[in-house]
Amino acid sequence: MLPWLPEHPVRFPPASRALRDPEGLLAAGGELTPEWLLAAYRRGIFPWYSDDQPILWWCPNPRMVLFPDELHLSRSLAKRLRNGGFRVSFNRCFDAVVEACAAPRRGQPGTWITAEMHAAYVTLHRLGYARSVEVWQADELVGGLYGVAMGPVFFGESMFSRANDASKVALVHLVRAMRAGGGRLIDCQMHTRHLASLGARDIARAEFINYLESCLAMPELPDGQHPMPCWSLPDDLPCVETMSALI
């Protein structure tokens, strides 16, 4: 029977108790407050549900992850980075990235990024935990991603693309920032061919939880720093040119 979580206290069952069908469903209920969300991510748990459902919490097995040093940059993507006319910023328009990720996609009847979810991650962004990468062509936002940053870990939530490879460009820049700042893990949650083509791979849930715990046990960085930048670029500063992402 699926556990129902009350509003208080903030407490999750062990991830090992997650269902096998549907894979990784751990509990229902709780809240989408920062207290609940941060407690969930620290345990490798994330919310995922639709408008007609209660809040559902997941911890699938296996878990797709991307170790920053394992990024695979294909020749075609390298060419796109050089010649695509992309520029990249961090945290310049977090709300717009979430809104774009929530937009209906071809072949999908709806979205799991409900209004409640959107508001919850905007709150996390204001607290400095949720962050975004934006990809631009001229002055148009054509791709990006967002997620939650804790210690040397980035928990990816969603990405979008309105131009060929724009979401991949965002991920390359996320990896670049993680490498430069000592980041150790990008959580991709569920397996997709899109992410596998970039070097992400599946690992056992127990291995993921153990590695996550070791990452989050590291000494806190000063002033809430994280390998992924937490600042917004002033409007009078240029975005990063994508050629600098070729590392």
Protein backbone atom coordinates (compact mmCIF):
# COMPACT_ATOMS: atom_id res chain seq x y z
CA MET A 1 0.00 0.00 0.00
CA LEU A 2 1.35 3.42 -0.97
CA PRO A 3 2.24 5.50 2.13
CA TRP A 4 0.34 8.77 2.57
CA LEU A 5 2.47 11.62 3.93
CA PRO A 6 0.82 14.18 6.26
CA GLU A 7 1.69 17.88 6.04
CA HIS A 8 3.81 17.53 9.19
CA PRO A 9 6.35 16.30 10.06
CA VAL A 10 8.59 16.19 6.97
CA ARG A 11 9.42 12.51 6.77
CA PHE A 12 9.87 10.08 3.88
CA PRO A 13 9.94 6.27 3.91
CA PRO A 14 13.25 4.64 2.88
CA ALA A 15 13.83 4.74 -0.87
CA SER A 16 14.19 0.96 -0.85
CA ARG A 17 10.43 0.72 -0.23
CA ALA A 18 9.54 2.30 -3.57
CA LEU A 19 7.18 0.30 -5.76
CA ARG A 20 8.31 -1.72 -8.76
CA ASP A 21 5.07 -0.99 -10.61
CA PRO A 22 5.00 1.85 -11.31
CA GLU A 23 8.77 1.81 -10.94
CA GLY A 24 10.06 4.12 -8.24
CA LEU A 25 6.78 5.45 -6.82
CA LEU A 26 7.53 5.92 -3.12
CA ALA A 27 4.74 7.94 -1.47
CA ALA A 28 1.91 10.42 -1.92
CA GLY A 29 0.91 13.54 -0.02
CA GLY A 30 3.12 15.97 1.85
CA GLU A 31 3.64 19.51 0.58
CA LEU A 32 5.68 21.35 -2.06
CA THR A 33 7.23 23.75 0.42
CA PRO A 34 11.00 24.33 0.37
CA GLU A 35 11.28 22.23 3.55
CA TRP A 36 9.68 19.22 1.84
CA LEU A 37 11.47 19.66 -1.48
CA LEU A 38 14.95 20.08 -0.03
CA ALA A 39 14.44 17.11 2.30
CA ALA A 40 13.36 15.05 -0.70
CA TYR A 41 16.33 15.95 -2.89
CA ARG A 42 18.77 15.21 -0.10
CA ARG A 43 17.36 11.66 -0.11
CA GLY A 44 17.32 11.23 -3.88
CA ILE A 45 13.54 11.70 -4.06
CA PHE A 46 11.66 14.03 -6.41
CA PRO A 47 7.99 15.01 -7.02
CA TRP A 48 6.24 14.08 -10.28
CA TYR A 49 2.49 14.13 -10.79
CA SER A 50 -0.28 15.65 -12.91
CA ASP A 51 -3.10 18.06 -12.08
CA ASP A 52 -5.61 15.30 -11.36
CA GLN A 53 -3.34 13.52 -8.87
CA PRO A 54 -2.05 14.18 -5.34
CA ILE A 55 1.63 15.03 -4.93
CA LEU A 56 3.56 11.86 -5.83
CA TRP A 57 7.17 11.24 -4.76
CA TRP A 58 9.56 9.03 -6.74
CA CYS A 59 12.94 7.34 -6.45
CA PRO A 60 13.36 5.02 -9.46
CA ASN A 61 15.69 2.07 -9.85
CA PRO A 62 17.88 2.33 -11.84
CA ARG A 63 18.68 6.03 -11.78
CA MET A 64 20.04 7.93 -14.77
CA VAL A 65 22.98 10.18 -13.92
CA LEU A 66 25.62 12.15 -15.76
CA PHE A 67 29.08 12.41 -14.24
CA PRO A 68 30.55 15.68 -15.56
CA ASP A 69 33.74 14.01 -16.80
CA GLU A 70 31.70 11.55 -18.87
CA LEU A 71 30.00 14.09 -21.13
CA HIS A 72 29.98 12.82 -24.72
CA LEU A 73 30.31 15.59 -27.28
CA SER A 74 29.51 14.28 -30.76
CA ARG A 75 31.02 15.87 -33.86
CA SER A 76 27.64 17.20 -34.90
CA LEU A 77 27.04 18.80 -31.51
CA ALA A 78 30.54 20.29 -31.47
CA LYS A 79 29.81 21.80 -34.88
CA ARG A 80 26.48 23.15 -33.61
CA LEU A 81 28.24 24.76 -30.65
CA ARG A 82 30.70 26.46 -33.00
CA ASN A 83 28.31 27.55 -35.71
CA GLY A 84 24.81 27.62 -34.23
CA GLY A 85 24.90 31.26 -33.20
CA PHE A 86 24.01 30.40 -29.61
CA ARG A 87 24.68 32.43 -26.49
CA VAL A 88 24.16 31.12 -22.97
CA SER A 89 23.27 32.71 -19.64
CA PHE A 90 22.68 31.43 -16.10
CA ASN A 91 19.62 32.35 -14.04
CA ARG A 92 18.69 35.33 -16.17
CA CYS A 93 15.06 34.27 -16.67
CA PHE A 94 14.32 31.25 -14.50
CA ASP A 95 10.55 31.71 -14.63
CA ALA A 96 10.54 31.79 -18.45
CA VAL A 97 12.55 28.56 -18.59
CA VAL A 98 10.10 26.75 -16.31
CA GLU A 99 7.18 28.09 -18.34
CA ALA A 100 8.78 26.88 -21.57
CA CYS A 101 9.46 23.45 -20.06
CA ALA A 102 5.80 23.26 -19.00
CA ALA A 103 4.44 24.04 -22.46
CA PRO A 104 2.64 21.14 -24.22
CA ARG A 105 4.90 19.06 -26.45
CA ARG A 106 4.20 17.18 -29.62
CA GLY A 107 2.56 13.85 -28.87
CA GLN A 108 1.91 14.71 -25.21
CA PRO A 109 -1.61 15.64 -24.02
CA GLY A 110 -0.50 17.72 -21.04
CA THR A 111 2.36 18.54 -18.69
CA TRP A 112 3.54 17.35 -15.30
CA ILE A 113 4.79 20.87 -14.46
CA THR A 114 1.58 22.04 -12.84
CA ALA A 115 0.97 25.60 -11.67
CA GLU A 116 1.68 24.39 -8.13
CA MET A 117 5.00 22.87 -9.22
CA HIS A 118 5.93 26.01 -11.14
CA ALA A 119 5.32 28.20 -8.10
CA ALA A 120 7.24 25.82 -5.82
CA TYR A 121 10.40 25.94 -7.94
CA VAL A 122 10.20 29.70 -8.38
CA THR A 123 10.25 29.89 -4.57
CA LEU A 124 13.31 27.61 -4.48
CA HIS A 125 14.94 29.85 -7.07
CA ARG A 126 14.38 32.91 -4.90
CA LEU A 127 16.05 31.04 -2.04
CA GLY A 128 19.08 30.29 -4.25
CA TYR A 129 18.53 26.54 -4.73
CA ALA A 130 16.74 26.25 -8.07
CA ARG A 131 18.76 27.49 -11.06
CA SER A 132 18.49 27.70 -14.81
CA VAL A 133 20.57 27.74 -17.96
CA GLU A 134 19.22 29.79 -20.87
CA VAL A 135 20.17 29.42 -24.53
CA TRP A 136 19.64 32.35 -26.90
CA GLN A 137 19.74 33.05 -30.61
CA ALA A 138 19.88 36.81 -31.02
CA ASP A 139 17.37 38.00 -28.39
CA GLU A 140 15.15 34.90 -28.54
CA LEU A 141 15.11 32.26 -25.80
CA VAL A 142 15.40 29.01 -27.77
CA GLY A 143 16.37 26.45 -25.14
CA GLY A 144 17.28 25.82 -21.55
CA LEU A 145 17.03 23.69 -18.45
CA TYR A 146 16.39 24.06 -14.76
CA GLY A 147 16.92 22.07 -11.59
CA VAL A 148 18.00 22.15 -7.97
CA ALA A 149 21.58 22.80 -6.86
CA MET A 150 22.87 21.36 -3.59
CA GLY A 151 26.54 21.00 -2.69
CA PRO A 152 28.42 19.45 -5.65
CA VAL A 153 25.17 17.98 -7.08
CA PHE A 154 22.72 19.34 -9.64
CA PHE A 155 19.31 17.67 -9.74
CA GLY A 156 17.98 18.21 -13.24
CA GLU A 157 14.23 18.73 -13.53
CA SER A 158 13.39 19.56 -17.13
CA MET A 159 14.75 21.03 -20.36
CA PHE A 160 13.27 22.44 -23.55
CA SER A 161 14.35 23.25 -27.08
CA ARG A 162 12.90 25.53 -29.74
CA ALA A 163 15.94 25.22 -32.01
CA ASN A 164 17.95 22.18 -33.01
CA ASP A 165 20.19 21.00 -30.16
CA ALA A 166 19.43 24.02 -27.97
CA SER A 167 18.73 21.86 -24.89
CA LYS A 168 21.98 19.98 -25.51
CA VAL A 169 23.84 23.29 -25.64
CA ALA A 170 22.34 24.14 -22.23
CA LEU A 171 23.51 20.81 -20.81
CA VAL A 172 27.04 21.28 -22.18
CA HIS A 173 27.27 24.61 -20.40
CA LEU A 174 25.91 23.12 -17.20
CA VAL A 175 28.63 20.45 -17.38
CA ARG A 176 31.25 23.12 -18.08
CA ALA A 177 30.19 25.04 -14.96
CA MET A 178 30.14 21.85 -12.88
CA ARG A 179 33.63 20.87 -14.03
CA ALA A 180 35.03 24.33 -13.34
CA GLY A 181 33.53 24.44 -9.85
CA GLY A 182 34.21 20.87 -8.71
CA GLY A 183 30.73 19.50 -9.32
CA ARG A 184 30.47 15.73 -9.03
CA LEU A 185 27.02 14.63 -10.14
CA ILE A 186 24.10 15.61 -12.38
CA ASP A 187 20.95 13.68 -11.54
CA CYS A 188 18.90 13.02 -14.69
CA GLN A 189 16.21 11.00 -12.87
CA MET A 190 14.70 8.89 -15.67
CA HIS A 191 16.36 7.17 -18.64
CA THR A 192 16.04 8.91 -22.01
CA ARG A 193 17.88 8.28 -25.26
CA HIS A 194 18.45 12.01 -25.54
CA LEU A 195 20.51 12.05 -22.31
CA ALA A 196 22.17 8.70 -22.99
CA SER A 197 23.55 10.13 -26.23
CA LEU A 198 25.32 12.78 -24.15
CA GLY A 199 26.99 10.31 -21.81
CA ALA A 200 24.39 9.85 -19.08
CA ARG A 201 24.01 6.29 -17.81
CA ASP A 202 21.89 4.18 -15.48
CA ILE A 203 23.19 3.13 -12.08
CA ALA A 204 21.49 1.11 -9.34
CA ARG A 205 19.38 3.12 -6.89
CA ALA A 206 21.46 1.98 -3.91
CA GLU A 207 24.65 3.10 -5.68
CA PHE A 208 23.05 6.45 -6.49
CA ILE A 209 21.89 7.02 -2.89
CA ASN A 210 25.31 6.11 -1.49
CA TYR A 211 27.11 8.41 -3.92
CA LEU A 212 24.63 11.22 -3.27
CA GLU A 213 25.13 10.91 0.49
CA SER A 214 28.91 11.07 0.05
CA CYS A 215 28.56 14.21 -2.11
CA LEU A 216 26.26 16.00 0.31
CA ALA A 217 28.47 15.05 3.27
CA MET A 218 31.27 17.18 1.83
CA PRO A 219 32.00 20.47 3.64
CA GLU A 220 29.59 23.23 2.72
CA LEU A 221 30.88 25.75 0.20
CA PRO A 222 31.08 29.32 1.55
CA ASP A 223 28.12 31.66 1.11
CA GLY A 224 25.91 29.00 -0.40
CA GLN A 225 28.11 28.62 -3.47
CA HIS A 226 27.59 25.81 -5.96
CA PRO A 227 29.50 24.73 -9.09
CA MET A 228 26.57 26.02 -11.13
CA PRO A 229 26.56 29.84 -10.88
CA CYS A 230 23.82 31.28 -8.68
CA TRP A 231 24.09 34.85 -9.93
CA SER A 232 22.06 36.52 -12.64
CA LEU A 233 24.06 38.22 -15.37
CA PRO A 234 23.33 41.96 -15.50
CA ASP A 235 21.54 43.01 -18.66
CA ASP A 236 24.52 45.07 -19.78
CA LEU A 237 26.86 42.05 -19.77
CA PRO A 238 27.02 39.74 -22.79
CA CYS A 239 26.00 36.11 -22.50
CA VAL A 240 28.67 33.45 -22.78
CA GLU A 241 29.50 32.44 -26.35
CA THR A 242 29.07 28.71 -26.82
CA MET A 243 32.53 28.13 -28.25
CA SER A 244 33.86 28.51 -24.71
CA ALA A 245 31.88 25.39 -23.77
CA LEU A 246 34.13 23.15 -25.88
CA ILE A 247 36.23 21.63 -23.12
